[in-house]
Every structure is written in structure tokens, then in C-alpha cells.
PDB file of N, CA and C in Angstrom:
ATOM      1  N   UNK A   1     106.282  99.291  92.265  1.00  0.00           N
ATOM      2  CA  UNK A   1     106.607 100.221  92.239  1.00  0.00           C
ATOM      3  C   UNK A   1     106.802 101.342  93.302  1.00  0.00           C
ATOM      4  N   UNK A   2     107.595 100.817  94.250  1.00  0.00           N
ATOM      5  CA  UNK A   2     107.525 101.608  96.113  1.00  0.00           C
ATOM      6  C   UNK A   2     108.144 102.960  96.009  1.00  0.00           C
ATOM      7  N   UNK A   3     107.615 103.584  96.172  1.00  0.00           N
ATOM      8  CA  UNK A   3     108.118 105.085  96.553  1.00  0.00           C
ATOM      9  C   UNK A   3     108.039 105.205  98.128  1.00  0.00           C
ATOM     10  N   UNK A   4     109.071 106.020  98.787  1.00  0.00           N
ATOM     11  CA  UNK A   4     109.086 105.845  99.829  1.00  0.00           C
ATOM     12  C   UNK A   4     109.484 107.693 100.533  1.00  0.00           C
ATOM     13  N   UNK A   5     109.613 108.127 101.031  1.00  0.00           N
ATOM     14  CA  UNK A   5     110.169 108.934 102.191  1.00  0.00           C
ATOM     15  C   UNK A   5     110.743 107.943 104.145  1.00  0.00           C
ATOM     16  N   UNK A   6     111.204 108.901 104.628  1.00  0.00           N
ATOM     17  CA  UNK A   6     112.191 108.550 105.740  1.00  0.00           C
ATOM     18  C   UNK A   6     110.761 107.433 106.953  1.00  0.00           C
ATOM     19  N   UNK A   7     109.851 107.526 105.838  1.00  0.00           N
ATOM     20  CA  UNK A   7     108.928 105.814 106.318  1.00  0.00           C
ATOM     21  C   UNK A   7     109.721 105.528 106.865  1.00  0.00           C
ATOM     22  N   UNK A   8     110.268 105.143 105.701  1.00  0.00           N
ATOM     23  CA  UNK A   8     110.953 103.662 105.562  1.00  0.00           C
ATOM     24  C   UNK A   8     111.524 102.550 106.838  1.00  0.00           C
ATOM     25  N   UNK A   9     112.100 103.852 108.108  1.00  0.00           N
ATOM     26  CA  UNK A   9     112.858 103.024 108.953  1.00  0.00           C
ATOM     27  C   UNK A   9     112.096 102.656 109.786  1.00  0.00           C
ATOM     28  N   UNK A  10     110.586 102.993 109.636  1.00  0.00           N
ATOM     29  CA  UNK A  10     109.905 102.687 111.322  1.00  0.00           C
ATOM     30  C   UNK A  10     109.107 101.665 110.939  1.00  0.00           C
ATOM     31  N   UNK A  11     108.867 101.281 112.623  1.00  0.00           N
ATOM     32  CA  UNK A  11     108.236  99.891 112.643  1.00  0.00           C
ATOM     33  C   UNK A  11     106.814 100.217 113.787  1.00  0.00           C
ATOM     34  N   UNK A  12     106.259  99.797 113.351  1.00  0.00           N
ATOM     35  CA  UNK A  12     105.603  98.884 112.274  1.00  0.00           C
ATOM     36  C   UNK A  12     105.352 100.418 111.141  1.00  0.00           C
ATOM     37  N   UNK A  13     106.210  99.871 109.807  1.00  0.00           N
ATOM     38  CA  UNK A  13     105.782 100.476 107.982  1.00  0.00           C
ATOM     39  C   UNK A  13     105.023 101.200 108.178  1.00  0.00           C
ATOM     40  N   UNK A  14     104.393 102.189 108.243  1.00  0.00           N
ATOM     41  CA  UNK A  14     103.626 102.869 107.771  1.00  0.00           C
ATOM     42  C   UNK A  14     103.642 103.055 106.325  1.00  0.00           C
ATOM     43  N   UNK A  15     102.015 102.774 106.000  1.00  0.00           N
ATOM     44  CA  UNK A  15     101.943 102.724 104.625  1.00  0.00           C
ATOM     45  C   UNK A  15     100.610 103.760 104.968  1.00  0.00           C
ATOM     46  N   UNK A  16     100.214 104.662 103.007  1.00  0.00           N
ATOM     47  CA  UNK A  16      99.443 105.241 102.723  1.00  0.00           C
ATOM     48  C   UNK A  16      99.052 104.182 101.771  1.00  0.00           C
ATOM     49  N   UNK A  17      97.452 104.317 101.807  1.00  0.00           N
ATOM     50  CA  UNK A  17      96.712 103.368 101.009  1.00  0.00           C
ATOM     51  C   UNK A  17      95.548 104.132  99.871  1.00  0.00           C
ATOM     52  N   UNK A  18      95.308 102.989  99.309  1.00  0.00           N
ATOM     53  CA  UNK A  18      93.077 103.334  98.838  1.00  0.00           C
ATOM     54  C   UNK A  18      93.131 102.935 100.289  1.00  0.00           C
ATOM     55  N   UNK A  19      91.492 103.257 100.180  1.00  0.00           N
ATOM     56  CA  UNK A  19      90.622 102.386 100.497  1.00  0.00           C
ATOM     57  C   UNK A  19      90.389 101.079 100.277  1.00  0.00           C
ATOM     58  N   UNK A  20      89.854 100.473 101.708  1.00  0.00           N
ATOM     59  CA  UNK A  20      89.355  98.892 100.991  1.00  0.00           C
ATOM     60  C   UNK A  20      88.638  99.111  99.621  1.00  0.00           C
ATOM     61  N   UNK A  21      88.983  97.670  99.135  1.00  0.00           N
ATOM     62  CA  UNK A  21      89.130  97.545  97.839  1.00  0.00           C
ATOM     63  C   UNK A  21      89.979  98.798  96.265  1.00  0.00           C
ATOM     64  N   UNK A  22      90.625  99.492  97.133  1.00  0.00           N
ATOM     65  CA  UNK A  22      90.756 100.749  96.316  1.00  0.00           C
ATOM     66  C   UNK A  22      92.237 100.021  95.013  1.00  0.00           C
ATOM     67  N   UNK A  23      92.781 100.750  94.708  1.00  0.00           N
ATOM     68  CA  UNK A  23      93.938 100.415  93.750  1.00  0.00           C
ATOM     69  C   UNK A  23      94.605  99.275  94.582  1.00  0.00           C
ATOM     70  N   UNK A  24      95.824  98.657  94.298  1.00  0.00           N
ATOM     71  CA  UNK A  24      96.975  98.673  94.462  1.00  0.00           C
ATOM     72  C   UNK A  24      97.764  98.006  96.207  1.00  0.00           C
ATOM     73  N   UNK A  25      95.983  97.891  96.460  1.00  0.00           N
ATOM     74  CA  UNK A  25      96.386  98.482  97.706  1.00  0.00           C
ATOM     75  C   UNK A  25      96.588  96.471  98.447  1.00  0.00           C
ATOM     76  N   UNK A  26      95.183  95.799  97.792  1.00  0.00           N
ATOM     77  CA  UNK A  26      95.126  94.641  98.273  1.00  0.00           C
ATOM     78  C   UNK A  26      96.929  94.117  97.886  1.00  0.00           C
ATOM     79  N   UNK A  27      97.329  94.519  96.777  1.00  0.00           N
ATOM     80  CA  UNK A  27      98.632  93.558  96.201  1.00  0.00           C
ATOM     81  C   UNK A  27      99.934  94.176  97.182  1.00  0.00           C
ATOM     82  N   UNK A  28      99.708  94.934  97.473  1.00  0.00           N
ATOM     83  CA  UNK A  28     101.032  95.975  98.604  1.00  0.00           C
ATOM     84  C   UNK A  28     100.713  94.543 100.156  1.00  0.00           C
ATOM     85  N   UNK A  29      99.475  94.929 100.243  1.00  0.00           N
ATOM     86  CA  UNK A  29      99.063  93.931 101.417  1.00  0.00           C
ATOM     87  C   UNK A  29      99.967  92.964 101.437  1.00  0.00           C
ATOM     88  N   UNK A  30      98.916  92.554 100.645  1.00  0.00           N
ATOM     89  CA  UNK A  30      99.081  90.913 100.553  1.00  0.00           C
ATOM     90  C   UNK A  30     100.949  90.649 100.617  1.00  0.00           C
ATOM     91  N   UNK A  31     102.083  91.358  99.177  1.00  0.00           N
ATOM     92  CA  UNK A  31     103.034  90.659 100.266  1.00  0.00           C
ATOM     93  C   UNK A  31     103.944  91.695 100.972  1.00  0.00           C
ATOM     94  N   UNK A  32     102.933  93.069 101.303  1.00  0.00           N
ATOM     95  CA  UNK A  32     103.965  92.438 102.574  1.00  0.00           C
ATOM     96  C   UNK A  32     103.591  92.031 103.638  1.00  0.00           C
ATOM     97  N   UNK A  33     102.690  91.017 103.939  1.00  0.00           N
ATOM     98  CA  UNK A  33     101.980  90.489 104.407  1.00  0.00           C
ATOM     99  C   UNK A  33     102.937  88.946 104.245  1.00  0.00           C
ATOM    100  N   UNK A  34     103.199  88.095 103.228  1.00  0.00           N
ATOM    101  CA  UNK A  34     103.561  86.414 102.523  1.00  0.00           C
ATOM    102  C   UNK A  34     104.775  87.630 103.479  1.00  0.00           C
ATOM    103  N   UNK A  35     105.848  88.205 103.266  1.00  0.00           N
ATOM    104  CA  UNK A  35     107.056  89.028 103.428  1.00  0.00           C
ATOM    105  C   UNK A  35     107.294  88.437 105.305  1.00  0.00           C
ATOM    106  N   UNK A  36     106.539  88.918 105.370  1.00  0.00           N
ATOM    107  CA  UNK A  36     106.599  88.781 107.655  1.00  0.00           C
ATOM    108  C   UNK A  36     106.210  90.339 108.049  1.00  0.00           C
ATOM    109  N   UNK A  37     106.330  91.582 107.210  1.00  0.00           N
ATOM    110  CA  UNK A  37     106.560  93.174 107.558  1.00  0.00           C
ATOM    111  C   UNK A  37     104.984  93.485 108.225  1.00  0.00           C
ATOM    112  N   UNK A  38     105.941  93.922 109.865  1.00  0.00           N
ATOM    113  CA  UNK A  38     104.842  94.738 110.627  1.00  0.00           C
ATOM    114  C   UNK A  38     104.640  96.413 109.911  1.00  0.00           C
ATOM    115  N   UNK A  39     102.974  95.881 109.601  1.00  0.00           N
ATOM    116  CA  UNK A  39     103.068  97.104 109.474  1.00  0.00           C
ATOM    117  C   UNK A  39     101.671  98.077 109.902  1.00  0.00           C
ATOM    118  N   UNK A  40     100.954  99.160 108.901  1.00  0.00           N
ATOM    119  CA  UNK A  40     100.120 100.317 109.944  1.00  0.00           C
ATOM    120  C   UNK A  40      99.347 100.736 108.603  1.00  0.00           C
ATOM    121  N   UNK A  41      98.840 101.019 108.323  1.00  0.00           N
ATOM    122  CA  UNK A  41      97.910 102.193 107.573  1.00  0.00           C
ATOM    123  C   UNK A  41      98.227 103.734 108.527  1.00  0.00           C
ATOM    124  N   UNK A  42      98.735 104.411 107.880  1.00  0.00           N
ATOM    125  CA  UNK A  42      99.111 105.885 108.286  1.00  0.00           C
ATOM    126  C   UNK A  42      98.021 106.748 107.919  1.00  0.00           C
ATOM    127  N   UNK A  43      98.087 106.092 106.936  1.00  0.00           N
ATOM    128  CA  UNK A  43      96.593 106.841 105.567  1.00  0.00           C
ATOM    129  C   UNK A  43      96.374 106.625 104.307  1.00  0.00           C
ATOM    130  N   UNK A  44      94.755 107.193 104.124  1.00  0.00           N
ATOM    131  CA  UNK A  44      94.225 105.958 103.513  1.00  0.00           C
ATOM    132  C   UNK A  44      93.115 107.739 102.340  1.00  0.00           C
ATOM    133  N   UNK A  45      93.455 107.661 101.833  1.00  0.00           N
ATOM    134  CA  UNK A  45      92.650 108.805 100.586  1.00  0.00           C
ATOM    135  C   UNK A  45      92.210 107.139  99.241  1.00  0.00           C
ATOM    136  N   UNK A  46      91.041 107.801  98.115  1.00  0.00           N
ATOM    137  CA  UNK A  46      90.780 107.710  97.741  1.00  0.00           C
ATOM    138  C   UNK A  46      91.659 108.793  96.617  1.00  0.00           C
ATOM    139  N   UNK A  47      92.168 108.911  96.346  1.00  0.00           N
ATOM    140  CA  UNK A  47      92.646 110.963  95.046  1.00  0.00           C
ATOM    141  C   UNK A  47      94.050 109.854  95.076  1.00  0.00           C
ATOM    142  N   UNK A  48      94.271 109.557  94.081  1.00  0.00           N
ATOM    143  CA  UNK A  48      95.910 109.638  93.472  1.00  0.00           C
ATOM    144  C   UNK A  48      96.673 110.509  94.180  1.00  0.00           C
ATOM    145  N   UNK A  49      96.156 112.120  93.719  1.00  0.00           N
ATOM    146  CA  UNK A  49      97.216 112.818  93.628  1.00  0.00           C
ATOM    147  C   UNK A  49      96.824 112.716  95.296  1.00  0.00           C
ATOM    148  N   UNK A  50      95.919 112.561  96.477  1.00  0.00           N
ATOM    149  CA  UNK A  50      96.425 112.006  97.961  1.00  0.00           C
ATOM    150  C   UNK A  50      96.834 111.521  98.185  1.00  0.00           C
ATOM    151  N   UNK A  51      97.300 110.541  97.735  1.00  0.00           N
ATOM    152  CA  UNK A  51      98.290 109.288  98.267  1.00  0.00           C
ATOM    153  C   UNK A  51      99.362 109.715  97.944  1.00  0.00           C
ATOM    154  N   UNK A  52      99.916 110.222  96.721  1.00  0.00           N
ATOM    155  CA  UNK A  52     101.609 111.276  95.422  1.00  0.00           C
ATOM    156  C   UNK A  52     101.408 111.675  96.698  1.00  0.00           C
ATOM    157  N   UNK A  53     101.224 113.260  97.507  1.00  0.00           N
ATOM    158  CA  UNK A  53     100.811 113.733  98.525  1.00  0.00           C
ATOM    159  C   UNK A  53     101.727 113.313  99.775  1.00  0.00           C
ATOM    160  N   UNK A  54     100.240 112.198 100.387  1.00  0.00           N
ATOM    161  CA  UNK A  54     101.084 111.709 101.333  1.00  0.00           C
ATOM    162  C   UNK A  54     103.220 110.870 101.866  1.00  0.00           C
ATOM    163  N   UNK A  55     102.584 110.297 100.490  1.00  0.00           N
ATOM    164  CA  UNK A  55     104.344 109.353 100.616  1.00  0.00           C
ATOM    165  C   UNK A  55     105.317 111.079 100.161  1.00  0.00           C
ATOM    166  N   UNK A  56     104.858 111.252  99.551  1.00  0.00           N
ATOM    167  CA  UNK A  56     105.935 112.858  99.563  1.00  0.00           C
ATOM    168  C   UNK A  56     106.059 113.765 100.721  1.00  0.00           C
ATOM    169  N   UNK A  57     105.262 113.872 101.542  1.00  0.00           N
ATOM    170  CA  UNK A  57     105.165 114.891 103.275  1.00  0.00           C
ATOM    171  C   UNK A  57     105.705 113.605 103.915  1.00  0.00           C
ATOM    172  N   UNK A  58     105.726 112.356 104.277  1.00  0.00           N
ATOM    173  CA  UNK A  58     107.005 111.369 104.507  1.00  0.00           C
ATOM    174  C   UNK A  58     106.025 110.566 105.634  1.00  0.00           C
ATOM    175  N   UNK A  59     104.233 110.931 105.150  1.00  0.00           N
ATOM    176  CA  UNK A  59     103.500 109.452 105.818  1.00  0.00           C
ATOM    177  C   UNK A  59     103.582 107.771 106.201  1.00  0.00           C
ATOM    178  N   UNK A  60     103.894 107.725 105.179  1.00  0.00           N
ATOM    179  CA  UNK A  60     104.034 106.640 105.172  1.00  0.00           C
ATOM    180  C   UNK A  60     104.763 105.547 103.294  1.00  0.00           C
ATOM    181  N   UNK A  61     104.257 104.905 103.041  1.00  0.00           N
ATOM    182  CA  UNK A  61     105.714 104.818 101.987  1.00  0.00           C
ATOM    183  C   UNK A  61     103.997 103.831 101.092  1.00  0.00           C
ATOM    184  N   UNK A  62     103.725 103.612 100.098  1.00  0.00           N
ATOM    185  CA  UNK A  62     103.184 102.753  98.855  1.00  0.00           C
ATOM    186  C   UNK A  62     103.619 102.699  97.832  1.00  0.00           C
ATOM    187  N   UNK A  63     102.793 101.207  96.968  1.00  0.00           N
ATOM    188  CA  UNK A  63     103.143 100.982  95.856  1.00  0.00           C
ATOM    189  C   UNK A  63     102.029 101.752  94.530  1.00  0.00           C
ATOM    190  N   UNK A  64     102.729 102.278  93.991  1.00  0.00           N
ATOM    191  CA  UNK A  64     102.203 103.872  93.074  1.00  0.00           C
ATOM    192  C   UNK A  64     103.036 103.004  91.361  1.00  0.00           C
ATOM    193  N   UNK A  65     102.252 103.765  90.845  1.00  0.00           N
ATOM    194  CA  UNK A  65     101.966 103.689  89.408  1.00  0.00           C
ATOM    195  C   UNK A  65     103.247 104.095  88.825  1.00  0.00           C
ATOM    196  N   UNK A  66     103.911 104.130  88.062  1.00  0.00           N
ATOM    197  CA  UNK A  66     105.906 104.614  87.924  1.00  0.00           C
ATOM    198  C   UNK A  66     105.610 105.416  87.099  1.00  0.00           C
ATOM    199  N   UNK A  67     104.657 105.873  85.947  1.00  0.00           N
ATOM    200  CA  UNK A  67     104.167 107.510  86.106  1.00  0.00           C
ATOM    201  C   UNK A  67     104.108 108.461  86.896  1.00  0.00           C
ATOM    202  N   UNK A  68     103.831 108.184  88.058  1.00  0.00           N
ATOM    203  CA  UNK A  68     102.973 109.427  89.385  1.00  0.00           C
ATOM    204  C   UNK A  68     104.477 109.865  89.968  1.00  0.00           C
ATOM    205  N   UNK A  69     105.168 109.099  89.425  1.00  0.00           N
ATOM    206  CA  UNK A  69     106.595 109.142  90.621  1.00  0.00           C
ATOM    207  C   UNK A  69     106.872 110.748  90.120  1.00  0.00           C
ATOM    208  N   UNK A  70     107.246 111.438  91.443  1.00  0.00           N
ATOM    209  CA  UNK A  70     108.099 112.454  91.067  1.00  0.00           C
ATOM    210  C   UNK A  70     108.898 113.013  92.104  1.00  0.00           C
ATOM    211  N   UNK A  71     110.135 113.917  91.843  1.00  0.00           N
ATOM    212  CA  UNK A  71     111.373 113.916  93.073  1.00  0.00           C
ATOM    213  C   UNK A  71     111.115 114.465  94.254  1.00  0.00           C
ATOM    214  N   UNK A  72     109.994 114.367  94.947  1.00  0.00           N
ATOM    215  CA  UNK A  72     108.924 114.448  96.350  1.00  0.00           C
ATOM    216  C   UNK A  72     109.303 112.692  96.312  1.00  0.00           C
ATOM    217  N   UNK A  73     110.142 112.161  95.750  1.00  0.00           N
ATOM    218  CA  UNK A  73     109.869 109.962  96.206  1.00  0.00           C
ATOM    219  C   UNK A  73     110.437 109.757  95.760  1.00  0.00           C
ATOM    220  N   UNK A  74     110.858 108.935  96.464  1.00  0.00           N
ATOM    221  CA  UNK A  74     112.470 107.813  96.550  1.00  0.00           C
ATOM    222  C   UNK A  74     112.009 106.674  96.216  1.00  0.00           C
ATOM    223  N   UNK A  75     112.825 106.027  94.999  1.00  0.00           N
ATOM    224  CA  UNK A  75     111.545 104.198  94.570  1.00  0.00           C
ATOM    225  C   UNK A  75     112.816 103.402  94.991  1.00  0.00           C
ATOM    226  N   UNK A  76     112.153 102.727  96.404  1.00  0.00           N
ATOM    227  CA  UNK A  76     112.452 101.289  96.717  1.00  0.00           C
ATOM    228  C   UNK A  76     112.749 100.476  95.782  1.00  0.00           C
ATOM    229  N   UNK A  77     114.136  99.405  95.824  1.00  0.00           N
ATOM    230  CA  UNK A  77     114.619  98.518  94.681  1.00  0.00           C
ATOM    231  C   UNK A  77     114.238  97.076  95.398  1.00  0.00           C
ATOM    232  N   UNK A  78     115.077  96.565  94.667  1.00  0.00           N
ATOM    233  CA  UNK A  78     114.897  95.007  95.571  1.00  0.00           C
ATOM    234  C   UNK A  78     115.351  94.453  96.869  1.00  0.00           C
ATOM    235  N   UNK A  79     116.164  95.481  96.715  1.00  0.00           N
ATOM    236  CA  UNK A  79     117.996  95.961  97.337  1.00  0.00           C
ATOM    237  C   UNK A  79     117.739  96.122  99.176  1.00  0.00           C
ATOM    238  N   UNK A  80     116.241  97.426  99.065  1.00  0.00           N
ATOM    239  CA  UNK A  80     115.363  97.970 100.079  1.00  0.00           C
ATOM    240  C   UNK A  80     115.139  96.960 101.459  1.00  0.00           C
ATOM    241  N   UNK A  81     114.964  95.393 100.559  1.00  0.00           N
ATOM    242  CA  UNK A  81     114.417  94.147 101.617  1.00  0.00           C
ATOM    243  C   UNK A  81     112.815  93.854 101.362  1.00  0.00           C
ATOM    244  N   UNK A  82     112.288  95.134 100.880  1.00  0.00           N
ATOM    245  CA  UNK A  82     110.602  95.381 100.689  1.00  0.00           C
ATOM    246  C   UNK A  82     110.971  94.099  99.307  1.00  0.00           C
ATOM    247  N   UNK A  83     109.451  93.794  99.374  1.00  0.00           N
ATOM    248  CA  UNK A  83     108.914  92.818  98.006  1.00  0.00           C
ATOM    249  C   UNK A  83     109.038  93.518  97.090  1.00  0.00           C
ATOM    250  N   UNK A  84     109.664  92.411  96.037  1.00  0.00           N
ATOM    251  CA  UNK A  84     109.681  93.268  94.677  1.00  0.00           C
ATOM    252  C   UNK A  84     109.177  92.989  93.572  1.00  0.00           C
ATOM    253  N   UNK A  85     108.194  94.033  93.880  1.00  0.00           N
ATOM    254  CA  UNK A  85     106.103  94.088  93.469  1.00  0.00           C
ATOM    255  C   UNK A  85     106.962  93.780  91.347  1.00  0.00           C
ATOM    256  N   UNK A  86     106.542  93.108  90.813  1.00  0.00           N
ATOM    257  CA  UNK A  86     106.414  92.941  89.626  1.00  0.00           C
ATOM    258  C   UNK A  86     106.421  94.031  88.356  1.00  0.00           C
ATOM    259  N   UNK A  87     104.386  94.312  89.555  1.00  0.00           N
ATOM    260  CA  UNK A  87     103.245  95.043  88.531  1.00  0.00           C
ATOM    261  C   UNK A  87     102.777  94.383  88.649  1.00  0.00           C
ATOM    262  N   UNK A  88     101.273  95.218  89.040  1.00  0.00           N
ATOM    263  CA  UNK A  88     100.121  94.744  88.489  1.00  0.00           C
ATOM    264  C   UNK A  88      99.397  94.618  86.961  1.00  0.00           C
ATOM    265  N   UNK A  89      98.669  93.600  86.863  1.00  0.00           N
ATOM    266  CA  UNK A  89      97.393  93.144  86.024  1.00  0.00           C
ATOM    267  C   UNK A  89      96.523  94.138  86.175  1.00  0.00           C
ATOM    268  N   UNK A  90      95.754  94.787  84.391  1.00  0.00           N
ATOM    269  CA  UNK A  90      94.489  94.852  85.023  1.00  0.00           C
ATOM    270  C   UNK A  90      93.405  93.361  83.797  1.00  0.00           C
ATOM    271  N   UNK A  91      92.405  93.897  84.423  1.00  0.00           N
ATOM    272  CA  UNK A  91      91.598  92.848  83.178  1.00  0.00           C
ATOM    273  C   UNK A  91      91.222  93.379  83.069  1.00  0.00           C
ATOM    274  N   UNK A  92      89.945  92.968  81.695  1.00  0.00           N
ATOM    275  CA  UNK A  92      88.559  94.774  81.222  1.00  0.00           C
ATOM    276  C   UNK A  92      87.825  92.502  81.160  1.00  0.00           C
ATOM    277  N   UNK A  93      86.727  92.457  81.549  1.00  0.00           N
ATOM    278  CA  UNK A  93      85.455  91.699  81.745  1.00  0.00           C
ATOM    279  C   UNK A  93      84.629  92.548  80.536  1.00  0.00           C
ATOM    280  N   UNK A  94      84.181  92.117  79.701  1.00  0.00           N
ATOM    281  CA  UNK A  94      82.892  92.371  78.530  1.00  0.00           C
ATOM    282  C   UNK A  94      81.730  91.703  78.752  1.00  0.00           C
ATOM    283  N   UNK A  95      80.757  91.162  79.119  1.00  0.00           N
ATOM    284  CA  UNK A  95      79.959  90.057  78.295  1.00  0.00           C
ATOM    285  C   UNK A  95      80.284  89.584  76.693  1.00  0.00           C
ATOM    286  N   UNK A  96      79.424  89.350  76.179  1.00  0.00           N
ATOM    287  CA  UNK A  96      79.174  88.262  74.946  1.00  0.00           C
ATOM    288  C   UNK A  96      78.248  89.422  74.120  1.00  0.00           C
ATOM    289  N   UNK A  97      77.694  89.148  75.072  1.00  0.00           N
ATOM    290  CA  UNK A  97      76.058  90.161  74.520  1.00  0.00           C
ATOM    291  C   UNK A  97      75.807  91.757  74.040  1.00  0.00           C
ATOM    292  N   UNK A  98      77.526  92.568  74.651  1.00  0.00           N
ATOM    293  CA  UNK A  98      77.420  93.676  74.799  1.00  0.00           C
ATOM    294  C   UNK A  98      76.733  94.477  73.831  1.00  0.00           C
ATOM    295  N   UNK A  99      75.549  95.456  74.170  1.00  0.00           N
ATOM    296  CA  UNK A  99      75.296  96.091  72.841  1.00  0.00           C
ATOM    297  C   UNK A  99      75.879  97.048  72.234  1.00  0.00           C
ATOM    298  N   UNK A 100      75.756  98.280  71.194  1.00  0.00           N
ATOM    299  CA  UNK A 100      76.696  98.288  70.380  1.00  0.00           C
ATOM    300  C   UNK A 100      77.509  99.437  71.364  1.00  0.00           C
ATOM    301  N   UNK A 101      76.545 100.648  72.399  1.00  0.00           N
ATOM    302  CA  UNK A 101      77.516 101.401  73.578  1.00  0.00           C
ATOM    303  C   UNK A 101      78.345 100.607  73.948  1.00  0.00           C
ATOM    304  N   UNK A 102      78.120  99.855  74.811  1.00  0.00           N
ATOM    305  CA  UNK A 102      78.673  98.727  75.876  1.00  0.00           C
ATOM    306  C   UNK A 102      80.257  98.247  74.601  1.00  0.00           C
ATOM    307  N   UNK A 103      79.904  97.834  73.321  1.00  0.00           N
ATOM    308  CA  UNK A 103      81.036  97.760  72.499  1.00  0.00           C
ATOM    309  C   UNK A 103      81.354  99.002  72.368  1.00  0.00           C
ATOM    310  N   UNK A 104      81.672  99.759  72.198  1.00  0.00           N
ATOM    311  CA  UNK A 104      82.673 101.765  71.920  1.00  0.00           C
ATOM    312  C   UNK A 104      82.936 101.307  73.400  1.00  0.00           C
ATOM    313  N   UNK A 105      81.942 101.511  74.471  1.00  0.00           N
ATOM    314  CA  UNK A 105      83.046 102.130  75.542  1.00  0.00           C
ATOM    315  C   UNK A 105      84.161 100.795  76.219  1.00  0.00           C
ATOM    316  N   UNK A 106      83.914  99.476  75.924  1.00  0.00           N
ATOM    317  CA  UNK A 106      84.611  98.281  75.508  1.00  0.00           C
ATOM    318  C   UNK A 106      85.654  98.843  74.679  1.00  0.00           C
ATOM    319  N   UNK A 107      85.967  99.604  73.347  1.00  0.00           N
ATOM    320  CA  UNK A 107      86.999  99.534  73.025  1.00  0.00           C
ATOM    321  C   UNK A 107      87.771 100.671  73.152  1.00  0.00           C
ATOM    322  N   UNK A 108      87.791 101.554  73.575  1.00  0.00           N
ATOM    323  CA  UNK A 108      87.503 102.660  74.187  1.00  0.00           C
ATOM    324  C   UNK A 108      88.568 102.552  75.880  1.00  0.00           C
ATOM    325  N   UNK A 109      88.483 101.820  76.602  1.00  0.00           N
ATOM    326  CA  UNK A 109      88.556 101.447  76.753  1.00  0.00           C
ATOM    327  C   UNK A 109      90.239 100.075  77.134  1.00  0.00           C
ATOM    328  N   UNK A 110      90.169  99.988  76.254  1.00  0.00           N
ATOM    329  CA  UNK A 110      91.355  98.973  75.993  1.00  0.00           C
ATOM    330  C   UNK A 110      92.809  99.284  74.942  1.00  0.00           C
ATOM    331  N   UNK A 111      92.176 101.133  74.271  1.00  0.00           N
ATOM    332  CA  UNK A 111      93.331 101.818  74.175  1.00  0.00           C
ATOM    333  C   UNK A 111      93.239 102.264  74.908  1.00  0.00           C
ATOM    334  N   UNK A 112      92.587 102.068  75.991  1.00  0.00           N
ATOM    335  CA  UNK A 112      93.542 103.970  77.022  1.00  0.00           C
ATOM    336  C   UNK A 112      93.902 102.403  77.608  1.00  0.00           C
ATOM    337  N   UNK A 113      94.083 101.193  78.073  1.00  0.00           N
ATOM    338  CA  UNK A 113      95.100 100.133  78.569  1.00  0.00           C
ATOM    339  C   UNK A 113      95.470 100.294  77.943  1.00  0.00           C
ATOM    340  N   UNK A 114      96.165 100.058  76.428  1.00  0.00           N
ATOM    341  CA  UNK A 114      96.588 100.108  75.415  1.00  0.00           C
ATOM    342  C   UNK A 114      98.013 101.172  76.119  1.00  0.00           C
ATOM    343  N   UNK A 115      97.897 102.591  75.882  1.00  0.00           N
ATOM    344  CA  UNK A 115      98.392 103.478  76.119  1.00  0.00           C
ATOM    345  C   UNK A 115      98.938 104.021  77.005  1.00  0.00           C
ATOM    346  N   UNK A 116      98.547 103.451  77.857  1.00  0.00           N
ATOM    347  CA  UNK A 116      98.861 103.798  79.393  1.00  0.00           C
ATOM    348  C   UNK A 116     100.471 102.749  79.604  1.00  0.00           C
ATOM    349  N   UNK A 117      99.831 101.171  78.750  1.00  0.00           N
ATOM    350  CA  UNK A 117     100.468 100.156  79.285  1.00  0.00           C
ATOM    351  C   UNK A 117     102.212 100.706  78.742  1.00  0.00           C
ATOM    352  N   UNK A 118     101.800 101.291  77.034  1.00  0.00           N
ATOM    353  CA  UNK A 118     103.336 101.753  76.803  1.00  0.00           C
ATOM    354  C   UNK A 118     103.736 103.094  76.957  1.00  0.00           C
ATOM    355  N   UNK A 119     103.418 103.512  77.844  1.00  0.00           N
ATOM    356  CA  UNK A 119     104.009 105.497  78.014  1.00  0.00           C
ATOM    357  C   UNK A 119     104.553 104.713  78.734  1.00  0.00           C
ATOM    358  N   UNK A 120     104.717 103.657  79.777  1.00  0.00           N
ATOM    359  CA  UNK A 120     104.916 103.148  81.231  1.00  0.00           C
ATOM    360  C   UNK A 120     106.726 102.781  80.889  1.00  0.00           C
TER     361      UNK A 120
END
């Protein structure tokens, strides 16, 4: 789910990313590295709203969930030459000996994740 603004034509490619360890960052950087793209981090924030706003303002491109794409974004497809990233998988790991509260939290997280997948 790549979103872009006029930043796409720049070299090195300016990126808008979450901080190290943040959502989608590793996936985006890995695919660009494998594809031989020259890139730089133009803007970084831990806030999804800030990342979306920075992309819309032209500070760089980013990998974002489809559900946050707005009129201020342009979606780049495989014809752009960028890596064709098919999606990011989310995994939930839980201990087999979870307490009652832990099991309730696990159940709520699974329900939330399933609702997000179905709404995208």
C-alpha cells in the first residue's frame, strides 16, 4: 500500500517512516534495498496521522495501510517501478498459560485484528 506525492521523482527517494522498530518501516526499507533503490528518511514520526500528513505534504513516500489513504495521497502501483508489496502480516503470540485477563485480552485483540482485515 504505497502512497506518494511529488517526492517520488527525487533521488535519493525521500521516505516518511515510523521510528526504528515502528510499523511498516522494516518492510518498506527491506523491499527498497532488495530493489536497489537509493533512499533517505525525510521525516519520521511514531504517529500514524503525522506520517499520513507528511506524505500528503510531499515530504516523502511511505508504506501505509489502505484504510488511511486519503485524497491527498497517490497510490503507486507496480508500474511505478517500486517493489510490489502485497501486504504485511500481523502475528499474535500468547503463552499457553495465560491468566483469565490475558485470555480476555487475547480474544479482544484477535477480534480487533479480524475486523480490520475484513474492513480493508
